[in-house]
Amino acid sequence: MKLFCWGFMQGDHPGTGMDFVRLPDKVQARIFKEMTKVADAKGKPLQWSPM
């Protein structure tokens, strides 16, 4: 989860040199919201935080 979070929060700048297209803000916000819902096998939300 931390890797995915980093990708959304910090990945825009490194991606520009590789011709990646930046995700629109609305898409990033929706994905981040869904990431906060990820839980372990017992249904407990994962303990992680944005960088």
PDB file of N, CA and C in Angstrom:
ATOM      1  N   MET A   1       0.828  -1.188   0.000  1.00  0.00           N
ATOM      2  CA  MET A   1       0.000   0.000   0.000  1.00  0.00           C
ATOM      3  C   MET A   1       0.874   1.253   0.000  1.00  0.00           C
ATOM      4  N   LYS A   2       1.988   1.184   0.727  1.00  0.00           N
ATOM      5  CA  LYS A   2       2.861   2.360   0.749  1.00  0.00           C
ATOM      6  C   LYS A   2       3.424   2.662  -0.627  1.00  0.00           C
ATOM      7  N   LEU A   3       3.745   1.620  -1.400  1.00  0.00           N
ATOM      8  CA  LEU A   3       4.247   1.816  -2.757  1.00  0.00           C
ATOM      9  C   LEU A   3       3.190   2.487  -3.628  1.00  0.00           C
ATOM     10  N   PHE A   4       1.958   1.995  -3.569  1.00  0.00           N
ATOM     11  CA  PHE A   4       0.899   2.600  -4.358  1.00  0.00           C
ATOM     12  C   PHE A   4       0.654   4.044  -3.925  1.00  0.00           C
ATOM     13  N   CYS A   5       0.676   4.280  -2.636  1.00  0.00           N
ATOM     14  CA  CYS A   5       0.490   5.638  -2.129  1.00  0.00           C
ATOM     15  C   CYS A   5       1.590   6.553  -2.653  1.00  0.00           C
ATOM     16  N   TRP A   6       2.832   6.076  -2.600  1.00  0.00           N
ATOM     17  CA  TRP A   6       3.941   6.882  -3.121  1.00  0.00           C
ATOM     18  C   TRP A   6       3.719   7.188  -4.598  1.00  0.00           C
ATOM     19  N   GLY A   7       3.292   6.184  -5.349  1.00  0.00           N
ATOM     20  CA  GLY A   7       3.050   6.382  -6.769  1.00  0.00           C
ATOM     21  C   GLY A   7       2.054   7.490  -7.054  1.00  0.00           C
ATOM     22  N   PHE A   8       1.012   7.551  -6.252  1.00  0.00           N
ATOM     23  CA  PHE A   8       0.005   8.596  -6.443  1.00  0.00           C
ATOM     24  C   PHE A   8       0.466   9.952  -5.922  1.00  0.00           C
ATOM     25  N   MET A   9       1.193   9.956  -4.824  1.00  0.00           N
ATOM     26  CA  MET A   9       1.589  11.212  -4.205  1.00  0.00           C
ATOM     27  C   MET A   9       2.886  11.797  -4.783  1.00  0.00           C
ATOM     28  N   GLN A  10       3.813  10.940  -5.211  1.00  0.00           N
ATOM     29  CA  GLN A  10       5.125  11.409  -5.638  1.00  0.00           C
ATOM     30  C   GLN A  10       5.493  10.999  -7.063  1.00  0.00           C
ATOM     31  N   GLY A  11       4.678  10.210  -7.709  1.00  0.00           N
ATOM     32  CA  GLY A  11       5.064   9.611  -8.971  1.00  0.00           C
ATOM     33  C   GLY A  11       4.929  10.470 -10.212  1.00  0.00           C
ATOM     34  N   ASP A  12       4.297  11.625 -10.112  1.00  0.00           N
ATOM     35  CA  ASP A  12       4.111  12.456 -11.301  1.00  0.00           C
ATOM     36  C   ASP A  12       5.431  12.937 -11.889  1.00  0.00           C
ATOM     37  N   HIS A  13       6.307  13.442 -11.079  1.00  0.00           N
ATOM     38  CA  HIS A  13       7.560  14.015 -11.579  1.00  0.00           C
ATOM     39  C   HIS A  13       8.450  12.975 -12.257  1.00  0.00           C
ATOM     40  N   PRO A  14       8.752  11.836 -11.615  1.00  0.00           N
ATOM     41  CA  PRO A  14       9.585  10.838 -12.303  1.00  0.00           C
ATOM     42  C   PRO A  14       8.928  10.287 -13.566  1.00  0.00           C
ATOM     43  N   GLY A  15       7.632  10.243 -13.592  1.00  0.00           N
ATOM     44  CA  GLY A  15       6.928   9.687 -14.745  1.00  0.00           C
ATOM     45  C   GLY A  15       7.011  10.549 -15.987  1.00  0.00           C
ATOM     46  N   THR A  16       7.222  11.839 -15.832  1.00  0.00           N
ATOM     47  CA  THR A  16       7.254  12.721 -16.997  1.00  0.00           C
ATOM     48  C   THR A  16       8.441  12.417 -17.898  1.00  0.00           C
ATOM     49  N   GLY A  17       9.547  12.003 -17.355  1.00  0.00           N
ATOM     50  CA  GLY A  17      10.716  11.671 -18.154  1.00  0.00           C
ATOM     51  C   GLY A  17      10.578  10.358 -18.900  1.00  0.00           C
ATOM     52  N   MET A  18       9.552   9.589 -18.572  1.00  0.00           N
ATOM     53  CA  MET A  18       9.340   8.290 -19.216  1.00  0.00           C
ATOM     54  C   MET A  18       8.101   8.312 -20.108  1.00  0.00           C
ATOM     55  N   ASP A  19       7.606   9.508 -20.404  1.00  0.00           N
ATOM     56  CA  ASP A  19       6.436   9.701 -21.268  1.00  0.00           C
ATOM     57  C   ASP A  19       5.152   9.081 -20.719  1.00  0.00           C
ATOM     58  N   PHE A  20       5.058   8.964 -19.395  1.00  0.00           N
ATOM     59  CA  PHE A  20       3.803   8.520 -18.789  1.00  0.00           C
ATOM     60  C   PHE A  20       2.845   9.698 -18.711  1.00  0.00           C
ATOM     61  N   VAL A  21       1.582   9.414 -18.840  1.00  0.00           N
ATOM     62  CA  VAL A  21       0.555  10.442 -18.737  1.00  0.00           C
ATOM     63  C   VAL A  21       0.079  10.491 -17.291  1.00  0.00           C
ATOM     64  N   ARG A  22      -0.006  11.690 -16.749  1.00  0.00           N
ATOM     65  CA  ARG A  22      -0.465  11.883 -15.372  1.00  0.00           C
ATOM     66  C   ARG A  22      -1.946  11.563 -15.276  1.00  0.00           C
ATOM     67  N   LEU A  23      -2.331  10.859 -14.207  1.00  0.00           N
ATOM     68  CA  LEU A  23      -3.746  10.590 -13.971  1.00  0.00           C
ATOM     69  C   LEU A  23      -4.441  11.887 -13.562  1.00  0.00           C
ATOM     70  N   PRO A  24      -5.649  12.112 -14.051  1.00  0.00           N
ATOM     71  CA  PRO A  24      -6.402  13.305 -13.636  1.00  0.00           C
ATOM     72  C   PRO A  24      -6.651  13.289 -12.125  1.00  0.00           C
ATOM     73  N   ASP A  25      -6.780  14.475 -11.557  1.00  0.00           N
ATOM     74  CA  ASP A  25      -6.994  14.607 -10.113  1.00  0.00           C
ATOM     75  C   ASP A  25      -8.191  13.802  -9.621  1.00  0.00           C
ATOM     76  N   LYS A  26      -9.297  13.823 -10.372  1.00  0.00           N
ATOM     77  CA  LYS A  26     -10.490  13.080  -9.953  1.00  0.00           C
ATOM     78  C   LYS A  26     -10.208  11.585  -9.876  1.00  0.00           C
ATOM     79  N   VAL A  27      -9.440  11.071 -10.818  1.00  0.00           N
ATOM     80  CA  VAL A  27      -9.115   9.645 -10.831  1.00  0.00           C
ATOM     81  C   VAL A  27      -8.205   9.324  -9.650  1.00  0.00           C
ATOM     82  N   GLN A  28      -7.208  10.158  -9.407  1.00  0.00           N
ATOM     83  CA  GLN A  28      -6.311   9.943  -8.276  1.00  0.00           C
ATOM     84  C   GLN A  28      -7.089   9.966  -6.967  1.00  0.00           C
ATOM     85  N   ALA A  29      -8.001  10.915  -6.818  1.00  0.00           N
ATOM     86  CA  ALA A  29      -8.788  11.014  -5.586  1.00  0.00           C
ATOM     87  C   ALA A  29      -9.648   9.767  -5.378  1.00  0.00           C
ATOM     88  N   ARG A  30     -10.245   9.275  -6.456  1.00  0.00           N
ATOM     89  CA  ARG A  30     -11.096   8.082  -6.333  1.00  0.00           C
ATOM     90  C   ARG A  30     -10.274   6.861  -5.949  1.00  0.00           C
ATOM     91  N   ILE A  31      -9.118   6.696  -6.583  1.00  0.00           N
ATOM     92  CA  ILE A  31      -8.257   5.554  -6.268  1.00  0.00           C
ATOM     93  C   ILE A  31      -7.778   5.635  -4.825  1.00  0.00           C
ATOM     94  N   PHE A  32      -7.351   6.818  -4.397  1.00  0.00           N
ATOM     95  CA  PHE A  32      -6.870   6.981  -3.028  1.00  0.00           C
ATOM     96  C   PHE A  32      -7.984   6.656  -2.034  1.00  0.00           C
ATOM     97  N   LYS A  33      -9.197   7.092  -2.321  1.00  0.00           N
ATOM     98  CA  LYS A  33     -10.331   6.787  -1.445  1.00  0.00           C
ATOM     99  C   LYS A  33     -10.534   5.279  -1.340  1.00  0.00           C
ATOM    100  N   GLU A  34     -10.434   4.575  -2.452  1.00  0.00           N
ATOM    101  CA  GLU A  34     -10.588   3.123  -2.443  1.00  0.00           C
ATOM    102  C   GLU A  34      -9.449   2.455  -1.676  1.00  0.00           C
ATOM    103  N   MET A  35      -8.242   3.012  -1.766  1.00  0.00           N
ATOM    104  CA  MET A  35      -7.105   2.444  -1.043  1.00  0.00           C
ATOM    105  C   MET A  35      -7.329   2.487   0.466  1.00  0.00           C
ATOM    106  N   THR A  36      -8.053   3.490   0.943  1.00  0.00           N
ATOM    107  CA  THR A  36      -8.303   3.590   2.384  1.00  0.00           C
ATOM    108  C   THR A  36      -9.267   2.511   2.876  1.00  0.00           C
ATOM    109  N   LYS A  37      -9.935   1.834   1.953  1.00  0.00           N
ATOM    110  CA  LYS A  37     -10.881   0.783   2.315  1.00  0.00           C
ATOM    111  C   LYS A  37     -10.251  -0.605   2.362  1.00  0.00           C
ATOM    112  N   VAL A  38      -8.996  -0.735   1.963  1.00  0.00           N
ATOM    113  CA  VAL A  38      -8.341  -2.047   1.929  1.00  0.00           C
ATOM    114  C   VAL A  38      -8.181  -2.561   3.354  1.00  0.00           C
ATOM    115  N   ALA A  39      -8.603  -3.811   3.561  1.00  0.00           N
ATOM    116  CA  ALA A  39      -8.577  -4.401   4.904  1.00  0.00           C
ATOM    117  C   ALA A  39      -7.862  -5.755   4.863  1.00  0.00           C
ATOM    118  N   ASP A  40      -7.489  -6.216   6.048  1.00  0.00           N
ATOM    119  CA  ASP A  40      -6.867  -7.538   6.147  1.00  0.00           C
ATOM    120  C   ASP A  40      -7.956  -8.615   6.107  1.00  0.00           C
ATOM    121  N   ALA A  41      -7.564  -9.867   6.267  1.00  0.00           N
ATOM    122  CA  ALA A  41      -8.495 -10.990   6.172  1.00  0.00           C
ATOM    123  C   ALA A  41      -9.596 -10.941   7.225  1.00  0.00           C
ATOM    124  N   LYS A  42      -9.347 -10.248   8.325  1.00  0.00           N
ATOM    125  CA  LYS A  42     -10.348 -10.134   9.396  1.00  0.00           C
ATOM    126  C   LYS A  42     -11.236  -8.907   9.235  1.00  0.00           C
ATOM    127  N   GLY A  43     -11.010  -8.129   8.176  1.00  0.00           N
ATOM    128  CA  GLY A  43     -11.819  -6.946   7.937  1.00  0.00           C
ATOM    129  C   GLY A  43     -11.295  -5.681   8.573  1.00  0.00           C
ATOM    130  N   LYS A  44     -10.140  -5.778   9.227  1.00  0.00           N
ATOM    131  CA  LYS A  44      -9.559  -4.603   9.878  1.00  0.00           C
ATOM    132  C   LYS A  44      -8.791  -3.779   8.837  1.00  0.00           C
ATOM    133  N   PRO A  45      -9.040  -2.457   8.764  1.00  0.00           N
ATOM    134  CA  PRO A  45      -8.319  -1.619   7.800  1.00  0.00           C
ATOM    135  C   PRO A  45      -6.802  -1.710   8.026  1.00  0.00           C
ATOM    136  N   LEU A  46      -6.057  -1.735   6.923  1.00  0.00           N
ATOM    137  CA  LEU A  46      -4.611  -1.780   7.013  1.00  0.00           C
ATOM    138  C   LEU A  46      -4.080  -0.496   7.642  1.00  0.00           C
ATOM    139  N   GLN A  47      -3.035  -0.621   8.420  1.00  0.00           N
ATOM    140  CA  GLN A  47      -2.423   0.532   9.076  1.00  0.00           C
ATOM    141  C   GLN A  47      -1.304   1.064   8.179  1.00  0.00           C
ATOM    142  N   TRP A  48      -1.589   2.075   7.432  1.00  0.00           N
ATOM    143  CA  TRP A  48      -0.596   2.740   6.590  1.00  0.00           C
ATOM    144  C   TRP A  48      -0.998   4.193   6.503  1.00  0.00           C
ATOM    145  N   SER A  49      -0.113   4.998   6.060  1.00  0.00           N
ATOM    146  CA  SER A  49      -0.429   6.416   5.970  1.00  0.00           C
ATOM    147  C   SER A  49       0.234   7.003   4.737  1.00  0.00           C
ATOM    148  N   PRO A  50      -0.356   8.049   4.182  1.00  0.00           N
ATOM    149  CA  PRO A  50       0.265   8.725   3.050  1.00  0.00           C
ATOM    150  C   PRO A  50       1.630   9.266   3.442  1.00  0.00           C
ATOM    151  N   MET A  51       2.479   9.302   2.482  1.00  0.00           N
ATOM    152  CA  MET A  51       3.855   9.766   2.759  1.00  0.00           C
ATOM    153  C   MET A  51       3.928  11.258   2.840  1.00  0.00           C
TER     154      MET A  51
END
